[in-house]
Amino acid sequence: MNNNVRWLSRWNILQRFVDCLEAIRLLLQNEGKIEQYPQLLDVMWLSKLMFFTDICQRFNELNVELQGTNKTIIVMIDLIRAFDAKLHVFRNKIITRNYKYFPNLKKNINDLDIHEKPGEETVTEEFISVIDSSINEFSARFSQFKELSETFKFIMYPDVTSFDKLNLSQFDWLEIEEFEMQLIDFQSSSI
């Protein structure tokens, strides 16, 4: 339980660090210690920090949405499916170098001078790789939800769910003889 709560606060810590970054650099500069932390001046490292802060925010938002009482499995599946689609949008936006869903990264990239921009291509390839890994992990972790989506649609809307798409083996536990025939009768009913 504590680990999960700590994970949720990681984005908050990253965002606070990003928000205080200029003050931290100024303090270290004034104390003559900035050389001890070269990554705070490294354009590539800072771009990665901004990206991970933004992507962690997205994962944090999903975690918060999934929590709480009265969340049905159907609502959770919808949230997960939506997040999976968002990951694909994030990937496409990074490919086109449109950072509108990555506010920290966008500000960081916009603040770069023309000589620092060539490194942008290298880090965007890394960002695409991270998003691809997230998409693959999501797909593997929630593959059973995809398999059950038609079943859940059937539970909610038994009269409109396509009979051909329904995996009837998931209903074996009901032990209803002639389930298929009863389902056809139900779907054909005008009530």
C-alpha atoms as a PDB file:
ATOM      1  CA  MET A   1       0.000   0.000   0.000  1.00  0.00           C
ATOM      2  CA  ASN A   2       2.721   2.495   0.933  1.00  0.00           C
ATOM      3  CA  ASN A   3       4.641   1.774  -2.259  1.00  0.00           C
ATOM      4  CA  ASN A   4       1.606   2.596  -4.369  1.00  0.00           C
ATOM      5  CA  VAL A   5       1.053   5.867  -2.537  1.00  0.00           C
ATOM      6  CA  ARG A   6       4.716   6.792  -2.931  1.00  0.00           C
ATOM      7  CA  TRP A   7       4.529   6.027  -6.649  1.00  0.00           C
ATOM      8  CA  LEU A   8       1.595   8.383  -7.003  1.00  0.00           C
ATOM      9  CA  SER A   9       3.566  11.175  -5.381  1.00  0.00           C
ATOM     10  CA  ARG A  10       6.559  10.795  -7.731  1.00  0.00           C
ATOM     11  CA  TRP A  11       5.000  13.111 -10.264  1.00  0.00           C
ATOM     12  CA  ASN A  12       4.423  15.719  -7.557  1.00  0.00           C
ATOM     13  CA  ILE A  13       8.077  15.546  -6.544  1.00  0.00           C
ATOM     14  CA  LEU A  14       9.286  15.755 -10.143  1.00  0.00           C
ATOM     15  CA  GLN A  15       6.976  18.685 -10.864  1.00  0.00           C
ATOM     16  CA  ARG A  16       8.097  20.542  -7.744  1.00  0.00           C
ATOM     17  CA  PHE A  17      11.724  20.004  -8.732  1.00  0.00           C
ATOM     18  CA  VAL A  18      11.012  21.314 -12.248  1.00  0.00           C
ATOM     19  CA  ASP A  19       9.137  24.300 -10.811  1.00  0.00           C
ATOM     20  CA  CYS A  20      12.105  25.124  -8.556  1.00  0.00           C
ATOM     21  CA  LEU A  21      14.825  24.337 -11.099  1.00  0.00           C
ATOM     22  CA  GLU A  22      15.782  27.940 -11.860  1.00  0.00           C
ATOM     23  CA  ALA A  23      15.979  28.782  -8.154  1.00  0.00           C
ATOM     24  CA  ILE A  24      18.052  25.655  -7.499  1.00  0.00           C
ATOM     25  CA  ARG A  25      20.488  26.543 -10.291  1.00  0.00           C
ATOM     26  CA  LEU A  26      20.737  30.136  -9.087  1.00  0.00           C
ATOM     27  CA  LEU A  27      21.421  28.998  -5.520  1.00  0.00           C
ATOM     28  CA  LEU A  28      24.099  26.534  -6.657  1.00  0.00           C
ATOM     29  CA  GLN A  29      25.615  29.198  -8.929  1.00  0.00           C
ATOM     30  CA  ASN A  30      25.778  31.714  -6.068  1.00  0.00           C
ATOM     31  CA  GLU A  31      27.411  29.148  -3.792  1.00  0.00           C
ATOM     32  CA  GLY A  32      29.877  28.106  -6.503  1.00  0.00           C
ATOM     33  CA  LYS A  33      28.624  24.522  -6.523  1.00  0.00           C
ATOM     34  CA  ILE A  34      26.925  24.359  -9.923  1.00  0.00           C
ATOM     35  CA  GLU A  35      29.912  22.430 -11.344  1.00  0.00           C
ATOM     36  CA  GLN A  36      29.092  19.573  -8.974  1.00  0.00           C
ATOM     37  CA  TYR A  37      25.755  19.133 -10.759  1.00  0.00           C
ATOM     38  CA  PRO A  38      26.526  19.383 -14.491  1.00  0.00           C
ATOM     39  CA  GLN A  39      23.242  17.697 -15.425  1.00  0.00           C
ATOM     40  CA  LEU A  40      21.390  20.832 -14.292  1.00  0.00           C
ATOM     41  CA  LEU A  41      22.984  22.597 -17.274  1.00  0.00           C
ATOM     42  CA  ASP A  42      22.873  19.644 -19.678  1.00  0.00           C
ATOM     43  CA  VAL A  43      20.253  20.283 -22.371  1.00  0.00           C
ATOM     44  CA  MET A  44      19.717  16.571 -23.084  1.00  0.00           C
ATOM     45  CA  TRP A  45      19.334  15.648 -19.418  1.00  0.00           C
ATOM     46  CA  LEU A  46      16.915  18.508 -18.824  1.00  0.00           C
ATOM     47  CA  SER A  47      14.806  17.517 -21.833  1.00  0.00           C
ATOM     48  CA  LYS A  48      14.564  13.984 -20.472  1.00  0.00           C
ATOM     49  CA  LEU A  49      13.631  15.307 -17.028  1.00  0.00           C
ATOM     50  CA  MET A  50      10.864  17.424 -18.544  1.00  0.00           C
ATOM     51  CA  PHE A  51       9.552  14.528 -20.632  1.00  0.00           C
ATOM     52  CA  PHE A  52       9.498  12.125 -17.693  1.00  0.00           C
ATOM     53  CA  THR A  53       7.803  14.727 -15.516  1.00  0.00           C
ATOM     54  CA  ASP A  54       5.083  15.174 -18.133  1.00  0.00           C
ATOM     55  CA  ILE A  55       4.584  11.463 -18.839  1.00  0.00           C
ATOM     56  CA  CYS A  56       4.513  10.679 -15.104  1.00  0.00           C
ATOM     57  CA  GLN A  57       1.764  13.279 -14.785  1.00  0.00           C
ATOM     58  CA  ARG A  58      -0.295  11.348 -17.347  1.00  0.00           C
ATOM     59  CA  PHE A  59       0.203   8.057 -15.504  1.00  0.00           C
ATOM     60  CA  ASN A  60      -0.636   9.782 -12.228  1.00  0.00           C
ATOM     61  CA  GLU A  61      -3.883  11.115 -13.729  1.00  0.00           C
ATOM     62  CA  LEU A  62      -4.847   7.598 -14.827  1.00  0.00           C
ATOM     63  CA  ASN A  63      -4.082   6.173 -11.376  1.00  0.00           C
ATOM     64  CA  VAL A  64      -6.215   8.823  -9.702  1.00  0.00           C
ATOM     65  CA  GLU A  65      -9.088   8.155 -12.127  1.00  0.00           C
ATOM     66  CA  LEU A  66      -8.917   4.410 -11.435  1.00  0.00           C
ATOM     67  CA  GLN A  67      -9.128   4.904  -7.684  1.00  0.00           C
ATOM     68  CA  GLY A  68     -12.178   5.558  -5.630  1.00  0.00           C
ATOM     69  CA  THR A  69     -15.360   3.811  -4.740  1.00  0.00           C
ATOM     70  CA  ASN A  70     -18.166   2.748  -7.038  1.00  0.00           C
ATOM     71  CA  LYS A  71     -15.863   2.152 -10.013  1.00  0.00           C
ATOM     72  CA  THR A  72     -17.204  -0.708 -12.057  1.00  0.00           C
ATOM     73  CA  ILE A  73     -14.936  -2.893 -14.142  1.00  0.00           C
ATOM     74  CA  ILE A  74     -16.591  -1.419 -17.225  1.00  0.00           C
ATOM     75  CA  VAL A  75     -15.634   2.125 -16.197  1.00  0.00           C
ATOM     76  CA  MET A  76     -12.087   0.971 -15.454  1.00  0.00           C
ATOM     77  CA  ILE A  77     -11.786  -0.744 -18.824  1.00  0.00           C
ATOM     78  CA  ASP A  78     -13.008   2.417 -20.531  1.00  0.00           C
ATOM     79  CA  LEU A  79     -10.385   4.467 -18.678  1.00  0.00           C
ATOM     80  CA  ILE A  80      -7.635   2.025 -19.611  1.00  0.00           C
ATOM     81  CA  ARG A  81      -8.736   1.883 -23.231  1.00  0.00           C
ATOM     82  CA  ALA A  82      -8.810   5.693 -23.369  1.00  0.00           C
ATOM     83  CA  PHE A  83      -5.328   5.909 -21.867  1.00  0.00           C
ATOM     84  CA  ASP A  84      -4.023   3.403 -24.392  1.00  0.00           C
ATOM     85  CA  ALA A  85      -5.409   5.595 -27.179  1.00  0.00           C
ATOM     86  CA  LYS A  86      -3.835   8.662 -25.537  1.00  0.00           C
ATOM     87  CA  LEU A  87      -0.433   6.950 -25.539  1.00  0.00           C
ATOM     88  CA  HIS A  88      -0.734   6.559 -29.316  1.00  0.00           C
ATOM     89  CA  VAL A  89      -1.621  10.258 -29.638  1.00  0.00           C
ATOM     90  CA  PHE A  90       1.349  11.187 -27.435  1.00  0.00           C
ATOM     91  CA  ARG A  91       3.612   9.093 -29.651  1.00  0.00           C
ATOM     92  CA  ASN A  92       2.348  10.748 -32.831  1.00  0.00           C
ATOM     93  CA  LYS A  93       2.717  14.220 -31.338  1.00  0.00           C
ATOM     94  CA  ILE A  94       6.316  13.497 -30.291  1.00  0.00           C
ATOM     95  CA  ILE A  95       7.099  12.194 -33.797  1.00  0.00           C
ATOM     96  CA  THR A  96       5.847  15.465 -35.308  1.00  0.00           C
ATOM     97  CA  ARG A  97       7.565  17.454 -32.549  1.00  0.00           C
ATOM     98  CA  ASN A  98       4.287  18.854 -31.350  1.00  0.00           C
ATOM     99  CA  TYR A  99       4.680  18.957 -27.584  1.00  0.00           C
ATOM    100  CA  LYS A 100       1.246  20.310 -26.655  1.00  0.00           C
ATOM    101  CA  TYR A 101       0.586  17.398 -24.264  1.00  0.00           C
ATOM    102  CA  PHE A 102       4.016  17.813 -22.679  1.00  0.00           C
ATOM    103  CA  PRO A 103       4.015  21.329 -21.186  1.00  0.00           C
ATOM    104  CA  ASN A 104       7.335  21.073 -19.335  1.00  0.00           C
ATOM    105  CA  LEU A 105       9.091  19.594 -22.357  1.00  0.00           C
ATOM    106  CA  LYS A 106       7.522  22.176 -24.669  1.00  0.00           C
ATOM    107  CA  LYS A 107       8.763  25.051 -22.517  1.00  0.00           C
ATOM    108  CA  ASN A 108      12.216  23.489 -22.288  1.00  0.00           C
ATOM    109  CA  ILE A 109      12.468  22.961 -26.076  1.00  0.00           C
ATOM    110  CA  ASN A 110      11.169  26.467 -26.786  1.00  0.00           C
ATOM    111  CA  ASP A 111      13.795  27.931 -24.448  1.00  0.00           C
ATOM    112  CA  LEU A 112      16.660  26.244 -26.338  1.00  0.00           C
ATOM    113  CA  ASP A 113      18.755  28.392 -28.609  1.00  0.00           C
ATOM    114  CA  ILE A 114      19.361  27.370 -32.221  1.00  0.00           C
ATOM    115  CA  HIS A 115      22.704  25.675 -31.423  1.00  0.00           C
ATOM    116  CA  GLU A 116      21.109  23.377 -28.849  1.00  0.00           C
ATOM    117  CA  LYS A 117      18.233  22.210 -31.093  1.00  0.00           C
ATOM    118  CA  PRO A 118      20.148  19.439 -32.956  1.00  0.00           C
ATOM    119  CA  GLY A 119      20.038  17.301 -29.807  1.00  0.00           C
ATOM    120  CA  GLU A 120      16.246  17.413 -29.947  1.00  0.00           C
ATOM    121  CA  GLU A 121      16.123  14.641 -32.555  1.00  0.00           C
ATOM    122  CA  THR A 122      18.157  12.280 -30.381  1.00  0.00           C
ATOM    123  CA  VAL A 123      15.971  12.739 -27.326  1.00  0.00           C
ATOM    124  CA  THR A 124      12.723  12.512 -29.289  1.00  0.00           C
ATOM    125  CA  GLU A 125      13.812   9.060 -30.478  1.00  0.00           C
ATOM    126  CA  GLU A 126      14.274   8.097 -26.831  1.00  0.00           C
ATOM    127  CA  PHE A 127      10.863   9.533 -25.958  1.00  0.00           C
ATOM    128  CA  ILE A 128       9.237   7.533 -28.750  1.00  0.00           C
ATOM    129  CA  SER A 129      10.964   4.421 -27.435  1.00  0.00           C
ATOM    130  CA  VAL A 130       9.651   5.070 -23.909  1.00  0.00           C
ATOM    131  CA  ILE A 131       6.116   5.585 -25.191  1.00  0.00           C
ATOM    132  CA  ASP A 132       6.369   2.459 -27.370  1.00  0.00           C
ATOM    133  CA  SER A 133       7.463   0.477 -24.311  1.00  0.00           C
ATOM    134  CA  SER A 134       4.524   1.882 -22.365  1.00  0.00           C
ATOM    135  CA  ILE A 135       2.122   0.922 -25.160  1.00  0.00           C
ATOM    136  CA  ASN A 136       3.534  -2.613 -25.273  1.00  0.00           C
ATOM    137  CA  GLU A 137       3.441  -2.974 -21.493  1.00  0.00           C
ATOM    138  CA  PHE A 138      -0.113  -1.678 -21.382  1.00  0.00           C
ATOM    139  CA  SER A 139      -1.172  -4.050 -24.124  1.00  0.00           C
ATOM    140  CA  ALA A 140       0.378  -7.036 -22.356  1.00  0.00           C
ATOM    141  CA  ARG A 141      -0.846  -6.099 -18.901  1.00  0.00           C
ATOM    142  CA  PHE A 142      -4.428  -5.417 -19.917  1.00  0.00           C
ATOM    143  CA  SER A 143      -4.849  -7.943 -22.731  1.00  0.00           C
ATOM    144  CA  GLN A 144      -7.486  -9.815 -20.748  1.00  0.00           C
ATOM    145  CA  PHE A 145      -9.588  -6.647 -20.606  1.00  0.00           C
ATOM    146  CA  LYS A 146      -9.614  -6.516 -24.393  1.00  0.00           C
ATOM    147  CA  GLU A 147     -10.718 -10.140 -24.521  1.00  0.00           C
ATOM    148  CA  LEU A 148     -13.551  -9.416 -22.110  1.00  0.00           C
ATOM    149  CA  SER A 149     -14.746  -6.161 -23.675  1.00  0.00           C
ATOM    150  CA  GLU A 150     -17.423  -7.833 -25.805  1.00  0.00           C
ATOM    151  CA  THR A 151     -18.594  -9.774 -22.769  1.00  0.00           C
ATOM    152  CA  PHE A 152     -18.964  -6.570 -20.788  1.00  0.00           C
ATOM    153  CA  LYS A 153     -20.807  -4.939 -23.680  1.00  0.00           C
ATOM    154  CA  PHE A 154     -23.133  -7.936 -23.673  1.00  0.00           C
ATOM    155  CA  ILE A 155     -23.761  -7.563 -19.941  1.00  0.00           C
ATOM    156  CA  MET A 156     -24.649  -3.899 -20.404  1.00  0.00           C
ATOM    157  CA  TYR A 157     -26.471  -4.159 -23.729  1.00  0.00           C
ATOM    158  CA  PRO A 158     -27.474  -7.775 -24.316  1.00  0.00           C
ATOM    159  CA  ASP A 159     -29.961  -6.841 -27.007  1.00  0.00           C
ATOM    160  CA  VAL A 160     -27.493  -5.059 -29.292  1.00  0.00           C
ATOM    161  CA  THR A 161     -24.287  -7.021 -28.840  1.00  0.00           C
ATOM    162  CA  SER A 162     -23.369  -8.989 -31.919  1.00  0.00           C
ATOM    163  CA  PHE A 163     -23.909 -12.660 -31.250  1.00  0.00           C
ATOM    164  CA  ASP A 164     -20.979 -13.621 -33.484  1.00  0.00           C
ATOM    165  CA  LYS A 165     -18.483 -11.566 -31.472  1.00  0.00           C
ATOM    166  CA  LEU A 166     -19.539 -13.014 -28.141  1.00  0.00           C
ATOM    167  CA  ASN A 167     -17.252 -15.630 -26.612  1.00  0.00           C
ATOM    168  CA  LEU A 168     -19.838 -17.971 -25.138  1.00  0.00           C
ATOM    169  CA  SER A 169     -17.218 -20.027 -23.317  1.00  0.00           C
ATOM    170  CA  GLN A 170     -17.041 -17.168 -20.818  1.00  0.00           C
ATOM    171  CA  PHE A 171     -20.588 -18.056 -19.786  1.00  0.00           C
ATOM    172  CA  ASP A 172     -20.035 -21.773 -19.158  1.00  0.00           C
ATOM    173  CA  TRP A 173     -20.215 -21.156 -15.436  1.00  0.00           C
ATOM    174  CA  LEU A 174     -23.901 -20.244 -15.810  1.00  0.00           C
ATOM    175  CA  GLU A 175     -24.690 -23.848 -16.681  1.00  0.00           C
ATOM    176  CA  ILE A 176     -27.706 -22.756 -18.677  1.00  0.00           C
ATOM    177  CA  GLU A 177     -28.710 -25.320 -21.224  1.00  0.00           C
ATOM    178  CA  GLU A 178     -29.359 -23.878 -24.628  1.00  0.00           C
ATOM    179  CA  PHE A 179     -27.865 -20.493 -23.674  1.00  0.00           C
ATOM    180  CA  GLU A 180     -27.400 -19.618 -27.323  1.00  0.00           C
ATOM    181  CA  MET A 181     -31.049 -20.284 -28.111  1.00  0.00           C
ATOM    182  CA  GLN A 182     -32.246 -18.220 -25.156  1.00  0.00           C
ATOM    183  CA  LEU A 183     -29.940 -15.403 -26.166  1.00  0.00           C
ATOM    184  CA  ILE A 184     -31.332 -15.411 -29.708  1.00  0.00           C
ATOM    185  CA  ASP A 185     -34.882 -15.335 -28.335  1.00  0.00           C
ATOM    186  CA  PHE A 186     -33.981 -12.425 -26.061  1.00  0.00           C
ATOM    187  CA  GLN A 187     -32.315 -10.422 -28.817  1.00  0.00           C
ATOM    188  CA  SER A 188     -35.225 -11.041 -31.161  1.00  0.00           C
ATOM    189  CA  SER A 189     -37.794  -9.960 -28.596  1.00  0.00           C
ATOM    190  CA  SER A 190     -39.461  -6.600 -29.179  1.00  0.00           C
ATOM    191  CA  ILE A 191     -39.748  -5.924 -25.440  1.00  0.00           C
END
